[in-house]
Amino acid sequence: MYSGYMNEIKQKYEFVGNNLGVDFINTEVNVKGELVDLLPTESDVMAWLEQANIDVELARGIDVGKLLAFRDKARQILTQIIEKQSIENDAIATLNNYLQNYKMHYQLEQLSEGYQLINQNVCHSTADIIGLLAYELANMLASDQRTYLKRCLNPDCVLMFVDNSRSHKRRWCSMDTCGNRAKVSKHYRKVKS
């Protein structure tokens, strides 16, 4: 339908959420009034994981259905937070089930003046990937960052973000897209009147 436009979007995924889990949720976007999934295939998921700097060494393929089911559940939780609703106990239990798959892998690296322990997030399965994303979301929800979770003010945009700006008055998913459109629209209305 919008294949040319969609290929352009997929060339480089948007990472505007200030949280890896939020960025994963933002892989479903509004295109000309339709909600479009940017991760319909395993190759799309692999491209997103690569751009997100998630090291994946899979013995078998990715279960795209499980990843997208996680994304839907995570979106429900974040929507409840944004709308100032309490998270349902079932949703917390579901997130906790996903968290059971989070594995930390550490590696010691030698520096010029000592050593550094680095967390290597290598994912060997779909469950590992979901566990990592669930950890990122849970870590955000367990901190004060959850109070700065917002949805872009563009009514046609569905993207979410954690507002890490100094004043916490960020309104747009990105100034390059929605913020710029709002400025252009405001200028047009001003000139027209």
N, C-alpha and C. Protein backbone atom coordinates (compact mmCIF):
# COMPACT_ATOMS: atom_id res chain seq x y z
N MET A 1 0.83 -1.19 0.00
CA MET A 1 0.00 0.00 0.00
C MET A 1 0.88 1.25 0.00
N TYR A 2 1.68 1.41 1.04
CA TYR A 2 2.59 2.54 1.15
C TYR A 2 4.02 2.02 1.10
N SER A 3 4.29 1.04 0.22
CA SER A 3 5.55 0.32 0.27
C SER A 3 6.77 1.23 0.14
N GLY A 4 6.75 2.20 -0.74
CA GLY A 4 7.89 3.11 -0.87
C GLY A 4 8.13 3.89 0.41
N TYR A 5 7.05 4.40 0.98
CA TYR A 5 7.15 5.16 2.23
C TYR A 5 7.60 4.27 3.37
N MET A 6 7.05 3.03 3.42
CA MET A 6 7.40 2.11 4.49
C MET A 6 8.86 1.70 4.41
N ASN A 7 9.37 1.48 3.21
CA ASN A 7 10.79 1.13 3.08
C ASN A 7 11.67 2.26 3.58
N GLU A 8 11.26 3.50 3.34
CA GLU A 8 12.01 4.65 3.83
C GLU A 8 12.02 4.69 5.35
N ILE A 9 10.87 4.39 5.97
CA ILE A 9 10.78 4.38 7.44
C ILE A 9 11.68 3.28 8.00
N LYS A 10 11.65 2.10 7.37
CA LYS A 10 12.39 0.96 7.89
C LYS A 10 13.90 1.10 7.72
N GLN A 11 14.33 1.97 6.82
CA GLN A 11 15.77 2.14 6.63
C GLN A 11 16.44 2.47 7.95
N LYS A 12 15.80 3.31 8.73
CA LYS A 12 16.33 3.69 10.03
C LYS A 12 15.15 3.85 10.97
N TYR A 13 15.08 2.99 11.95
CA TYR A 13 14.00 3.05 12.91
C TYR A 13 14.20 4.25 13.84
N GLU A 14 13.10 4.74 14.39
CA GLU A 14 13.16 5.88 15.31
C GLU A 14 13.47 5.40 16.72
N PHE A 15 14.44 6.01 17.35
CA PHE A 15 14.78 5.72 18.73
C PHE A 15 14.67 7.04 19.49
N VAL A 16 13.42 7.41 19.78
CA VAL A 16 13.14 8.70 20.43
C VAL A 16 12.57 8.52 21.84
N GLY A 17 12.42 7.27 22.28
CA GLY A 17 11.73 6.99 23.54
C GLY A 17 12.55 7.16 24.79
N ASN A 18 13.87 7.28 24.66
CA ASN A 18 14.78 7.36 25.82
C ASN A 18 14.71 6.13 26.71
N ASN A 19 14.23 5.03 26.16
CA ASN A 19 14.18 3.75 26.86
C ASN A 19 14.01 2.69 25.78
N LEU A 20 14.82 1.65 25.83
CA LEU A 20 14.80 0.62 24.80
C LEU A 20 13.43 -0.04 24.68
N GLY A 21 12.79 -0.29 25.82
CA GLY A 21 11.45 -0.90 25.79
C GLY A 21 10.43 0.01 25.14
N VAL A 22 10.50 1.30 25.43
CA VAL A 22 9.59 2.27 24.82
C VAL A 22 9.86 2.34 23.31
N ASP A 23 11.14 2.33 22.95
CA ASP A 23 11.47 2.34 21.52
C ASP A 23 10.91 1.12 20.80
N PHE A 24 10.90 -0.02 21.47
CA PHE A 24 10.32 -1.21 20.87
C PHE A 24 8.82 -1.04 20.66
N ILE A 25 8.15 -0.46 21.63
CA ILE A 25 6.71 -0.19 21.49
C ILE A 25 6.46 0.76 20.32
N ASN A 26 7.39 1.66 20.10
CA ASN A 26 7.26 2.65 19.03
C ASN A 26 7.52 2.07 17.64
N THR A 27 7.56 0.75 17.51
CA THR A 27 7.72 0.14 16.20
C THR A 27 6.37 -0.11 15.52
N GLU A 28 5.35 0.47 16.08
CA GLU A 28 4.03 0.51 15.44
C GLU A 28 3.68 1.98 15.33
N VAL A 29 3.47 2.46 14.10
CA VAL A 29 3.31 3.89 13.87
C VAL A 29 2.04 4.18 13.08
N ASN A 30 1.62 5.43 13.13
CA ASN A 30 0.47 5.90 12.37
C ASN A 30 0.97 6.44 11.04
N VAL A 31 0.52 5.84 9.95
CA VAL A 31 0.89 6.30 8.60
C VAL A 31 -0.40 6.61 7.86
N LYS A 32 -0.61 7.90 7.63
CA LYS A 32 -1.79 8.35 6.89
C LYS A 32 -3.08 7.79 7.49
N GLY A 33 -3.17 7.81 8.81
CA GLY A 33 -4.38 7.37 9.51
C GLY A 33 -4.47 5.89 9.80
N GLU A 34 -3.50 5.11 9.35
CA GLU A 34 -3.51 3.67 9.60
C GLU A 34 -2.37 3.30 10.53
N LEU A 35 -2.64 2.40 11.48
CA LEU A 35 -1.61 1.89 12.36
C LEU A 35 -0.82 0.84 11.59
N VAL A 36 0.48 1.08 11.44
CA VAL A 36 1.33 0.21 10.63
C VAL A 36 2.41 -0.41 11.50
N ASP A 37 2.57 -1.72 11.38
CA ASP A 37 3.59 -2.46 12.13
C ASP A 37 4.89 -2.42 11.33
N LEU A 38 5.96 -1.92 11.95
CA LEU A 38 7.25 -1.85 11.28
C LEU A 38 8.04 -3.15 11.42
N LEU A 39 7.51 -4.12 12.16
CA LEU A 39 8.22 -5.37 12.40
C LEU A 39 7.39 -6.60 11.99
N PRO A 40 6.87 -6.63 10.77
CA PRO A 40 6.03 -7.78 10.40
C PRO A 40 6.82 -9.06 10.11
N THR A 41 8.11 -8.95 9.85
CA THR A 41 8.90 -10.14 9.49
C THR A 41 10.12 -10.28 10.39
N GLU A 42 10.70 -11.46 10.36
CA GLU A 42 11.91 -11.71 11.14
C GLU A 42 13.05 -10.79 10.69
N SER A 43 13.16 -10.56 9.39
CA SER A 43 14.24 -9.68 8.91
C SER A 43 14.05 -8.24 9.40
N ASP A 44 12.81 -7.78 9.52
CA ASP A 44 12.55 -6.45 10.07
C ASP A 44 12.95 -6.40 11.55
N VAL A 45 12.61 -7.46 12.30
CA VAL A 45 12.98 -7.52 13.71
C VAL A 45 14.49 -7.52 13.85
N MET A 46 15.18 -8.30 13.02
CA MET A 46 16.64 -8.37 13.09
C MET A 46 17.26 -7.00 12.77
N ALA A 47 16.70 -6.28 11.81
CA ALA A 47 17.20 -4.94 11.48
C ALA A 47 17.00 -3.99 12.65
N TRP A 48 15.83 -4.07 13.31
CA TRP A 48 15.59 -3.21 14.47
C TRP A 48 16.56 -3.54 15.59
N LEU A 49 16.75 -4.84 15.87
CA LEU A 49 17.67 -5.26 16.94
C LEU A 49 19.09 -4.76 16.66
N GLU A 50 19.50 -4.83 15.42
CA GLU A 50 20.83 -4.34 15.06
C GLU A 50 20.95 -2.85 15.30
N GLN A 51 19.94 -2.08 14.88
CA GLN A 51 19.98 -0.63 15.09
C GLN A 51 19.86 -0.27 16.56
N ALA A 52 19.25 -1.16 17.37
CA ALA A 52 19.13 -0.93 18.81
C ALA A 52 20.38 -1.40 19.56
N ASN A 53 21.36 -1.91 18.83
CA ASN A 53 22.61 -2.42 19.41
C ASN A 53 22.38 -3.58 20.37
N ILE A 54 21.45 -4.45 20.02
CA ILE A 54 21.21 -5.66 20.80
C ILE A 54 21.91 -6.81 20.07
N ASP A 55 22.84 -7.42 20.75
CA ASP A 55 23.62 -8.51 20.18
C ASP A 55 22.78 -9.78 20.20
N VAL A 56 22.54 -10.34 19.02
CA VAL A 56 21.69 -11.51 18.90
C VAL A 56 22.49 -12.64 18.26
N GLU A 57 22.56 -13.76 18.96
CA GLU A 57 23.19 -14.96 18.43
C GLU A 57 22.18 -16.09 18.58
N LEU A 58 21.32 -16.23 17.60
CA LEU A 58 20.23 -17.19 17.70
C LEU A 58 20.58 -18.53 17.07
N ALA A 59 20.23 -19.59 17.77
CA ALA A 59 20.37 -20.92 17.19
C ALA A 59 19.22 -21.19 16.23
N ARG A 60 18.06 -20.64 16.57
CA ARG A 60 16.87 -20.75 15.73
C ARG A 60 16.32 -19.37 15.44
N GLY A 61 15.29 -19.28 14.61
CA GLY A 61 14.71 -17.99 14.24
C GLY A 61 13.95 -17.33 15.37
N ILE A 62 13.63 -16.09 15.15
CA ILE A 62 12.87 -15.30 16.11
C ILE A 62 11.38 -15.60 15.96
N ASP A 63 10.69 -15.72 17.07
CA ASP A 63 9.24 -15.90 17.06
C ASP A 63 8.62 -14.50 17.08
N VAL A 64 8.34 -14.00 15.88
CA VAL A 64 7.82 -12.63 15.73
C VAL A 64 6.50 -12.48 16.47
N GLY A 65 5.66 -13.50 16.44
CA GLY A 65 4.37 -13.45 17.12
C GLY A 65 4.51 -13.20 18.62
N LYS A 66 5.47 -13.88 19.26
CA LYS A 66 5.68 -13.69 20.70
C LYS A 66 6.20 -12.28 20.99
N LEU A 67 7.09 -11.78 20.14
CA LEU A 67 7.60 -10.42 20.33
C LEU A 67 6.48 -9.39 20.22
N LEU A 68 5.63 -9.56 19.23
CA LEU A 68 4.55 -8.59 19.03
C LEU A 68 3.48 -8.70 20.13
N ALA A 69 3.27 -9.91 20.65
CA ALA A 69 2.34 -10.07 21.78
C ALA A 69 2.90 -9.34 23.00
N PHE A 70 4.22 -9.44 23.22
CA PHE A 70 4.85 -8.69 24.31
C PHE A 70 4.67 -7.19 24.09
N ARG A 71 4.87 -6.74 22.86
CA ARG A 71 4.74 -5.31 22.56
C ARG A 71 3.34 -4.82 22.88
N ASP A 72 2.32 -5.60 22.55
CA ASP A 72 0.94 -5.21 22.84
C ASP A 72 0.69 -5.09 24.34
N LYS A 73 1.18 -6.07 25.10
CA LYS A 73 1.01 -6.03 26.56
C LYS A 73 1.75 -4.84 27.16
N ALA A 74 2.97 -4.62 26.68
CA ALA A 74 3.77 -3.50 27.19
C ALA A 74 3.10 -2.16 26.86
N ARG A 75 2.52 -2.04 25.67
CA ARG A 75 1.83 -0.80 25.29
C ARG A 75 0.64 -0.54 26.21
N GLN A 76 -0.09 -1.60 26.56
CA GLN A 76 -1.23 -1.45 27.47
C GLN A 76 -0.77 -0.91 28.82
N ILE A 77 0.34 -1.44 29.32
CA ILE A 77 0.86 -0.99 30.62
C ILE A 77 1.26 0.48 30.54
N LEU A 78 2.02 0.85 29.51
CA LEU A 78 2.48 2.23 29.40
C LEU A 78 1.33 3.19 29.15
N THR A 79 0.33 2.76 28.42
CA THR A 79 -0.86 3.60 28.20
C THR A 79 -1.56 3.87 29.52
N GLN A 80 -1.64 2.87 30.38
CA GLN A 80 -2.26 3.06 31.70
C GLN A 80 -1.45 4.07 32.52
N ILE A 81 -0.13 4.00 32.43
CA ILE A 81 0.71 4.95 33.16
C ILE A 81 0.48 6.37 32.64
N ILE A 82 0.50 6.53 31.32
CA ILE A 82 0.31 7.86 30.71
C ILE A 82 -1.05 8.43 31.07
N GLU A 83 -2.06 7.58 31.10
CA GLU A 83 -3.42 8.03 31.41
C GLU A 83 -3.68 8.08 32.92
N LYS A 84 -2.60 7.95 33.71
CA LYS A 84 -2.67 8.07 35.18
C LYS A 84 -3.60 7.04 35.81
N GLN A 85 -3.66 5.86 35.21
CA GLN A 85 -4.44 4.75 35.75
C GLN A 85 -3.47 3.82 36.49
N SER A 86 -3.99 3.07 37.43
CA SER A 86 -3.13 2.09 38.09
C SER A 86 -2.98 0.89 37.17
N ILE A 87 -1.81 0.28 37.23
CA ILE A 87 -1.55 -0.90 36.41
C ILE A 87 -2.27 -2.08 37.05
N GLU A 88 -2.98 -2.83 36.24
CA GLU A 88 -3.71 -3.99 36.74
C GLU A 88 -2.74 -5.06 37.23
N ASN A 89 -3.13 -5.80 38.27
CA ASN A 89 -2.29 -6.86 38.82
C ASN A 89 -1.92 -7.90 37.78
N ASP A 90 -2.86 -8.22 36.89
CA ASP A 90 -2.57 -9.21 35.84
C ASP A 90 -1.47 -8.71 34.91
N ALA A 91 -1.47 -7.41 34.62
CA ALA A 91 -0.44 -6.84 33.75
C ALA A 91 0.93 -6.89 34.42
N ILE A 92 0.96 -6.62 35.72
CA ILE A 92 2.23 -6.70 36.46
C ILE A 92 2.72 -8.15 36.48
N ALA A 93 1.82 -9.08 36.70
CA ALA A 93 2.19 -10.50 36.70
C ALA A 93 2.74 -10.92 35.34
N THR A 94 2.12 -10.43 34.27
CA THR A 94 2.59 -10.74 32.92
C THR A 94 3.99 -10.18 32.70
N LEU A 95 4.21 -8.93 33.11
CA LEU A 95 5.54 -8.33 32.97
C LEU A 95 6.56 -9.11 33.79
N ASN A 96 6.18 -9.53 34.99
CA ASN A 96 7.08 -10.33 35.82
C ASN A 96 7.41 -11.67 35.16
N ASN A 97 6.46 -12.27 34.48
CA ASN A 97 6.73 -13.51 33.74
C ASN A 97 7.76 -13.28 32.64
N TYR A 98 7.63 -12.17 31.93
CA TYR A 98 8.61 -11.83 30.90
C TYR A 98 9.98 -11.56 31.52
N LEU A 99 9.99 -10.94 32.69
CA LEU A 99 11.26 -10.61 33.36
C LEU A 99 12.06 -11.85 33.75
N GLN A 100 11.38 -12.95 33.96
CA GLN A 100 12.09 -14.18 34.32
C GLN A 100 13.10 -14.59 33.25
N ASN A 101 12.92 -14.11 32.04
CA ASN A 101 13.82 -14.48 30.94
C ASN A 101 15.00 -13.52 30.79
N TYR A 102 15.08 -12.50 31.66
CA TYR A 102 16.19 -11.56 31.54
C TYR A 102 17.46 -12.18 32.11
N LYS A 103 18.48 -12.20 31.29
CA LYS A 103 19.76 -12.75 31.71
C LYS A 103 20.84 -11.70 31.50
N MET A 104 21.67 -11.55 32.50
CA MET A 104 22.81 -10.65 32.38
C MET A 104 24.05 -11.49 32.10
N HIS A 105 24.83 -11.04 31.15
CA HIS A 105 26.09 -11.70 30.81
C HIS A 105 27.18 -10.66 30.98
N TYR A 106 28.13 -10.94 31.84
CA TYR A 106 29.20 -9.99 32.08
C TYR A 106 30.50 -10.46 31.46
N GLN A 107 31.30 -9.48 31.08
CA GLN A 107 32.61 -9.77 30.52
C GLN A 107 33.60 -8.76 31.08
N LEU A 108 34.77 -9.25 31.45
CA LEU A 108 35.82 -8.39 31.98
C LEU A 108 36.68 -7.91 30.81
N GLU A 109 36.85 -6.60 30.71
CA GLU A 109 37.68 -6.03 29.66
C GLU A 109 38.83 -5.26 30.29
N GLN A 110 39.99 -5.41 29.69
CA GLN A 110 41.18 -4.72 30.19
C GLN A 110 41.24 -3.32 29.58
N LEU A 111 41.49 -2.35 30.45
CA LEU A 111 41.66 -0.96 30.04
C LEU A 111 43.13 -0.60 30.18
N SER A 112 43.50 0.58 29.74
CA SER A 112 44.90 1.00 29.87
C SER A 112 45.32 1.09 31.33
N GLU A 113 44.38 1.40 32.20
CA GLU A 113 44.72 1.53 33.63
C GLU A 113 43.79 0.70 34.50
N GLY A 114 43.67 -0.57 34.22
CA GLY A 114 42.84 -1.43 35.04
C GLY A 114 41.89 -2.27 34.22
N TYR A 115 40.75 -2.57 34.84
CA TYR A 115 39.76 -3.44 34.22
C TYR A 115 38.37 -2.85 34.37
N GLN A 116 37.49 -3.31 33.51
CA GLN A 116 36.10 -2.84 33.56
C GLN A 116 35.19 -4.04 33.34
N LEU A 117 34.17 -4.15 34.15
CA LEU A 117 33.18 -5.21 34.00
C LEU A 117 32.03 -4.66 33.16
N ILE A 118 31.74 -5.31 32.04
CA ILE A 118 30.74 -4.81 31.10
C ILE A 118 29.62 -5.83 30.98
N ASN A 119 28.39 -5.35 31.05
CA ASN A 119 27.22 -6.19 30.86
C ASN A 119 27.05 -6.44 29.36
N GLN A 120 27.17 -7.66 28.96
CA GLN A 120 27.00 -8.05 27.56
C GLN A 120 25.61 -8.62 27.38
N ASN A 121 24.72 -7.88 26.78
CA ASN A 121 23.36 -8.35 26.56
C ASN A 121 23.30 -9.14 25.26
N VAL A 122 23.72 -10.39 25.33
CA VAL A 122 23.67 -11.26 24.17
C VAL A 122 22.41 -12.10 24.29
N CYS A 123 21.57 -12.03 23.27
CA CYS A 123 20.30 -12.75 23.28
C CYS A 123 20.41 -14.00 22.41
N HIS A 124 20.07 -15.15 23.01
CA HIS A 124 20.16 -16.42 22.29
C HIS A 124 18.80 -16.97 21.89
N SER A 125 17.74 -16.27 22.28
CA SER A 125 16.39 -16.75 21.95
C SER A 125 15.42 -15.57 21.96
N THR A 126 14.23 -15.84 21.46
CA THR A 126 13.17 -14.83 21.51
C THR A 126 12.88 -14.45 22.95
N ALA A 127 12.87 -15.45 23.85
CA ALA A 127 12.60 -15.18 25.27
C ALA A 127 13.66 -14.25 25.85
N ASP A 128 14.93 -14.42 25.45
CA ASP A 128 16.00 -13.52 25.91
C ASP A 128 15.75 -12.08 25.47
N ILE A 129 15.33 -11.92 24.23
CA ILE A 129 15.06 -10.58 23.69
C ILE A 129 13.92 -9.94 24.48
N ILE A 130 12.84 -10.69 24.66
CA ILE A 130 11.69 -10.18 25.41
C ILE A 130 12.10 -9.88 26.85
N GLY A 131 12.91 -10.74 27.44
CA GLY A 131 13.38 -10.51 28.81
C GLY A 131 14.15 -9.22 28.93
N LEU A 132 15.03 -8.94 27.97
CA LEU A 132 15.80 -7.69 27.98
C LEU A 132 14.88 -6.48 27.85
N LEU A 133 13.94 -6.53 26.92
CA LEU A 133 13.01 -5.41 26.73
C LEU A 133 12.12 -5.24 27.96
N ALA A 134 11.68 -6.33 28.55
CA ALA A 134 10.86 -6.26 29.77
C ALA A 134 11.66 -5.64 30.91
N TYR A 135 12.94 -6.00 31.01
CA TYR A 135 13.80 -5.42 32.04
C TYR A 135 13.91 -3.90 31.86
N GLU A 136 14.12 -3.46 30.64
CA GLU A 136 14.23 -2.03 30.38
C GLU A 136 12.96 -1.29 30.79
N LEU A 137 11.81 -1.87 30.45
CA LEU A 137 10.54 -1.24 30.84
C LEU A 137 10.33 -1.26 32.34
N ALA A 138 10.59 -2.41 32.97
CA ALA A 138 10.39 -2.53 34.41
C ALA A 138 11.33 -1.60 35.17
N ASN A 139 12.55 -1.47 34.70
CA ASN A 139 13.51 -0.57 35.33
C ASN A 139 13.00 0.87 35.27
N MET A 140 12.43 1.25 34.14
CA MET A 140 11.86 2.60 33.99
C MET A 140 10.65 2.77 34.90
N LEU A 141 9.78 1.75 34.96
CA LEU A 141 8.57 1.84 35.77
C LEU A 141 8.88 1.88 37.26
N ALA A 142 10.00 1.27 37.67
CA ALA A 142 10.38 1.24 39.08
C ALA A 142 11.12 2.50 39.50
N SER A 143 11.36 3.40 38.58
CA SER A 143 12.07 4.64 38.90
C SER A 143 11.12 5.83 38.75
N ASP A 144 11.63 7.02 39.04
CA ASP A 144 10.80 8.22 38.86
C ASP A 144 10.61 8.57 37.39
N GLN A 145 11.32 7.88 36.49
CA GLN A 145 11.15 8.15 35.06
C GLN A 145 9.72 7.87 34.60
N ARG A 146 9.02 6.97 35.28
CA ARG A 146 7.65 6.66 34.86
C ARG A 146 6.77 7.90 34.91
N THR A 147 7.09 8.86 35.80
CA THR A 147 6.27 10.07 35.89
C THR A 147 6.51 10.99 34.69
N TYR A 148 7.56 10.72 33.93
CA TYR A 148 7.87 11.54 32.75
C TYR A 148 7.57 10.81 31.45
N LEU A 149 6.85 9.70 31.56
CA LEU A 149 6.43 8.96 30.37
C LEU A 149 5.29 9.73 29.71
N LYS A 150 5.44 10.01 28.43
CA LYS A 150 4.44 10.81 27.70
C LYS A 150 4.17 10.23 26.32
N ARG A 151 3.08 10.70 25.75
CA ARG A 151 2.75 10.40 24.36
C ARG A 151 2.92 11.71 23.58
N CYS A 152 3.39 11.61 22.36
CA CYS A 152 3.56 12.79 21.52
C CYS A 152 2.24 13.56 21.43
N LEU A 153 2.32 14.88 21.47
CA LEU A 153 1.10 15.70 21.43
C LEU A 153 0.48 15.82 20.04
N ASN A 154 1.19 15.37 19.02
CA ASN A 154 0.59 15.34 17.69
C ASN A 154 -0.54 14.30 17.72
N PRO A 155 -1.78 14.72 17.48
CA PRO A 155 -2.90 13.78 17.57
C PRO A 155 -2.81 12.63 16.57
N ASP A 156 -2.01 12.79 15.52
CA ASP A 156 -1.85 11.72 14.53
C ASP A 156 -0.68 10.80 14.86
N CYS A 157 0.02 11.06 15.93
CA CYS A 157 1.21 10.28 16.29
C CYS A 157 0.88 9.38 17.47
N VAL A 158 1.41 8.17 17.47
CA VAL A 158 1.17 7.21 18.56
C VAL A 158 2.44 6.93 19.37
N LEU A 159 3.53 7.64 19.07
CA LEU A 159 4.80 7.36 19.73
C LEU A 159 4.82 7.86 21.17
N MET A 160 5.53 7.11 22.01
CA MET A 160 5.70 7.44 23.42
C MET A 160 7.17 7.76 23.66
N PHE A 161 7.43 8.44 24.79
CA PHE A 161 8.81 8.75 25.15
C PHE A 161 8.89 9.06 26.63
N VAL A 162 10.09 8.91 27.17
CA VAL A 162 10.38 9.34 28.54
C VAL A 162 11.01 10.72 28.40
N ASP A 163 10.38 11.72 28.99
CA ASP A 163 10.84 13.10 28.87
C ASP A 163 12.02 13.33 29.83
N ASN A 164 13.22 13.26 29.28
CA ASN A 164 14.43 13.47 30.07
C ASN A 164 14.95 14.90 29.94
N SER A 165 14.15 15.79 29.38
CA SER A 165 14.60 17.18 29.24
C SER A 165 14.69 17.82 30.62
N ARG A 166 15.49 18.84 30.73
CA ARG A 166 15.72 19.50 32.02
C ARG A 166 14.41 20.01 32.63
N SER A 167 13.59 20.64 31.82
CA SER A 167 12.33 21.22 32.33
C SER A 167 11.17 20.24 32.32
N HIS A 168 11.35 19.10 31.70
CA HIS A 168 10.30 18.08 31.55
C HIS A 168 9.06 18.65 30.84
N LYS A 169 9.33 19.49 29.84
CA LYS A 169 8.22 20.07 29.07
C LYS A 169 8.26 19.63 27.61
N ARG A 170 8.96 18.54 27.32
CA ARG A 170 9.00 18.02 25.95
C ARG A 170 7.59 17.64 25.54
N ARG A 171 7.23 17.99 24.32
CA ARG A 171 5.86 17.74 23.86
C ARG A 171 5.79 16.79 22.66
N TRP A 172 6.87 16.69 21.91
CA TRP A 172 6.84 15.96 20.65
C TRP A 172 7.76 14.74 20.73
N CYS A 173 7.42 13.72 19.96
CA CYS A 173 8.29 12.55 19.90
C CYS A 173 9.65 12.97 19.36
N SER A 174 9.63 13.87 18.39
CA SER A 174 10.86 14.36 17.79
C SER A 174 10.60 15.75 17.21
N MET A 175 11.53 16.65 17.43
CA MET A 175 11.40 17.99 16.82
C MET A 175 11.57 17.90 15.31
N ASP A 176 12.27 16.88 14.82
CA ASP A 176 12.48 16.74 13.38
C ASP A 176 11.21 16.36 12.64
N THR A 177 10.29 15.71 13.33
CA THR A 177 9.07 15.29 12.64
C THR A 177 7.86 16.05 13.19
N CYS A 178 7.28 15.57 14.26
CA CYS A 178 6.05 16.16 14.79
C CYS A 178 6.25 17.60 15.28
N GLY A 179 7.36 17.88 15.92
CA GLY A 179 7.62 19.24 16.40
C GLY A 179 7.72 20.22 15.25
N ASN A 180 8.39 19.81 14.19
CA ASN A 180 8.53 20.68 13.02
C ASN A 180 7.19 20.89 12.34
N ARG A 181 6.40 19.84 12.24
CA ARG A 181 5.07 19.97 11.63
C ARG A 181 4.21 20.96 12.41
N ALA A 182 4.30 20.90 13.73
CA ALA A 182 3.52 21.82 14.57
C ALA A 182 3.98 23.26 14.36
N LYS A 183 5.29 23.47 14.27
CA LYS A 183 5.82 24.82 14.03
C LYS A 183 5.36 25.35 12.68
N VAL A 184 5.44 24.52 11.65
CA VAL A 184 5.04 24.93 10.30
C VAL A 184 3.55 25.26 10.29
N SER A 185 2.74 24.42 10.92
CA SER A 185 1.30 24.64 10.97
C SER A 185 0.97 25.94 11.71
N LYS A 186 1.64 26.18 12.82
CA LYS A 186 1.42 27.41 13.60
C LYS A 186 1.81 28.64 12.78
N HIS A 187 2.93 28.54 12.08
CA HIS A 187 3.39 29.66 11.24
C HIS A 187 2.39 29.91 10.10
N TYR A 188 1.91 28.83 9.49
CA TYR A 188 0.96 28.96 8.40
C TYR A 188 -0.33 29.66 8.88
N ARG A 189 -0.83 29.25 10.04
CA ARG A 189 -2.06 29.86 10.58
C ARG A 189 -1.82 31.34 10.88
N LYS A 190 -0.64 31.65 11.41
CA LYS A 190 -0.31 33.04 11.75
C LYS A 190 -0.23 33.91 10.49
N VAL A 191 0.42 33.41 9.46
CA VAL A 191 0.56 34.16 8.20
C VAL A 191 -0.80 34.31 7.52
N LYS A 192 -1.60 33.27 7.58
CA LYS A 192 -2.91 33.28 6.92
C LYS A 192 -3.85 34.28 7.57
N SER A 193 -3.76 34.49 8.88
CA SER A 193 -4.70 35.40 9.58
C SER A 193 -4.23 36.82 9.59
